[in-house]
C-alpha atoms as a PDB file:
ATOM      1  CA  UNK A   1      73.484  84.510  65.537  1.00  0.00           C
ATOM      2  CA  UNK A   2      70.113  86.134  64.952  1.00  0.00           C
ATOM      3  CA  UNK A   3      67.194  85.445  62.725  1.00  0.00           C
ATOM      4  CA  UNK A   4      66.808  87.221  59.421  1.00  0.00           C
ATOM      5  CA  UNK A   5      63.343  88.658  58.933  1.00  0.00           C
ATOM      6  CA  UNK A   6      61.701  89.452  55.627  1.00  0.00           C
ATOM      7  CA  UNK A   7      61.475  93.188  54.984  1.00  0.00           C
ATOM      8  CA  UNK A   8      57.949  94.561  54.763  1.00  0.00           C
ATOM      9  CA  UNK A   9      56.487  94.037  51.284  1.00  0.00           C
ATOM     10  CA  UNK A  10      59.076  91.380  50.327  1.00  0.00           C
ATOM     11  CA  UNK A  11      58.240  87.702  50.087  1.00  0.00           C
ATOM     12  CA  UNK A  12      61.125  85.220  49.930  1.00  0.00           C
ATOM     13  CA  UNK A  13      58.867  82.285  49.077  1.00  0.00           C
ATOM     14  CA  UNK A  14      59.134  81.417  45.395  1.00  0.00           C
ATOM     15  CA  UNK A  15      56.365  79.505  43.695  1.00  0.00           C
ATOM     16  CA  UNK A  16      56.969  78.531  40.082  1.00  0.00           C
ATOM     17  CA  UNK A  17      54.212  78.297  37.528  1.00  0.00           C
ATOM     18  CA  UNK A  18      53.343  74.705  36.575  1.00  0.00           C
ATOM     19  CA  UNK A  19      54.860  73.398  33.348  1.00  0.00           C
ATOM     20  CA  UNK A  20      52.708  72.953  30.272  1.00  0.00           C
ATOM     21  CA  UNK A  21      52.466  69.524  28.650  1.00  0.00           C
ATOM     22  CA  UNK A  22      54.737  70.765  25.855  1.00  0.00           C
ATOM     23  CA  UNK A  23      57.350  71.999  28.343  1.00  0.00           C
ATOM     24  CA  UNK A  24      57.170  68.725  30.270  1.00  0.00           C
ATOM     25  CA  UNK A  25      57.715  66.756  27.057  1.00  0.00           C
ATOM     26  CA  UNK A  26      60.689  68.918  26.033  1.00  0.00           C
ATOM     27  CA  UNK A  27      62.230  68.654  29.487  1.00  0.00           C
ATOM     28  CA  UNK A  28      61.792  64.876  29.567  1.00  0.00           C
ATOM     29  CA  UNK A  29      63.318  64.594  26.100  1.00  0.00           C
ATOM     30  CA  UNK A  30      66.293  66.733  27.132  1.00  0.00           C
ATOM     31  CA  UNK A  31      66.875  64.714  30.313  1.00  0.00           C
ATOM     32  CA  UNK A  32      66.733  61.399  28.441  1.00  0.00           C
ATOM     33  CA  UNK A  33      69.128  62.690  25.773  1.00  0.00           C
ATOM     34  CA  UNK A  34      71.535  64.045  28.375  1.00  0.00           C
ATOM     35  CA  UNK A  35      71.509  60.776  30.360  1.00  0.00           C
ATOM     36  CA  UNK A  36      72.380  58.919  27.156  1.00  0.00           C
ATOM     37  CA  UNK A  37      75.247  61.324  26.406  1.00  0.00           C
ATOM     38  CA  UNK A  38      76.630  60.929  29.931  1.00  0.00           C
ATOM     39  CA  UNK A  39      76.411  57.132  29.732  1.00  0.00           C
ATOM     40  CA  UNK A  40      78.321  57.186  26.433  1.00  0.00           C
ATOM     41  CA  UNK A  41      81.008  59.468  27.878  1.00  0.00           C
ATOM     42  CA  UNK A  42      81.436  57.172  30.892  1.00  0.00           C
ATOM     43  CA  UNK A  43      81.674  54.146  28.609  1.00  0.00           C
ATOM     44  CA  UNK A  44      84.385  55.857  26.523  1.00  0.00           C
ATOM     45  CA  UNK A  45      86.294  56.875  29.656  1.00  0.00           C
ATOM     46  CA  UNK A  46      86.209  53.326  31.028  1.00  0.00           C
ATOM     47  CA  UNK A  47      87.412  51.967  27.700  1.00  0.00           C
ATOM     48  CA  UNK A  48      90.225  54.521  27.556  1.00  0.00           C
ATOM     49  CA  UNK A  49      91.327  53.718  31.109  1.00  0.00           C
ATOM     50  CA  UNK A  50      91.258  49.984  30.370  1.00  0.00           C
ATOM     51  CA  UNK A  51      93.378  50.415  27.234  1.00  0.00           C
ATOM     52  CA  UNK A  52      95.895  52.580  29.142  1.00  0.00           C
ATOM     53  CA  UNK A  53      96.366  49.910  31.818  1.00  0.00           C
ATOM     54  CA  UNK A  54      97.478  47.287  29.324  1.00  0.00           C
END
């Protein structure tokens, strides 16, 4: 198995631009909202499983 070399003029290193304060706020808001949705789904699934066992 050999090494793969970068072709001349091609750079495989990706450097993203930093997020703006507005983008950071939106991303944080989305993550918090999504975590809440997932927690609610898990709670409903646990309740449904518990009711099916009885």
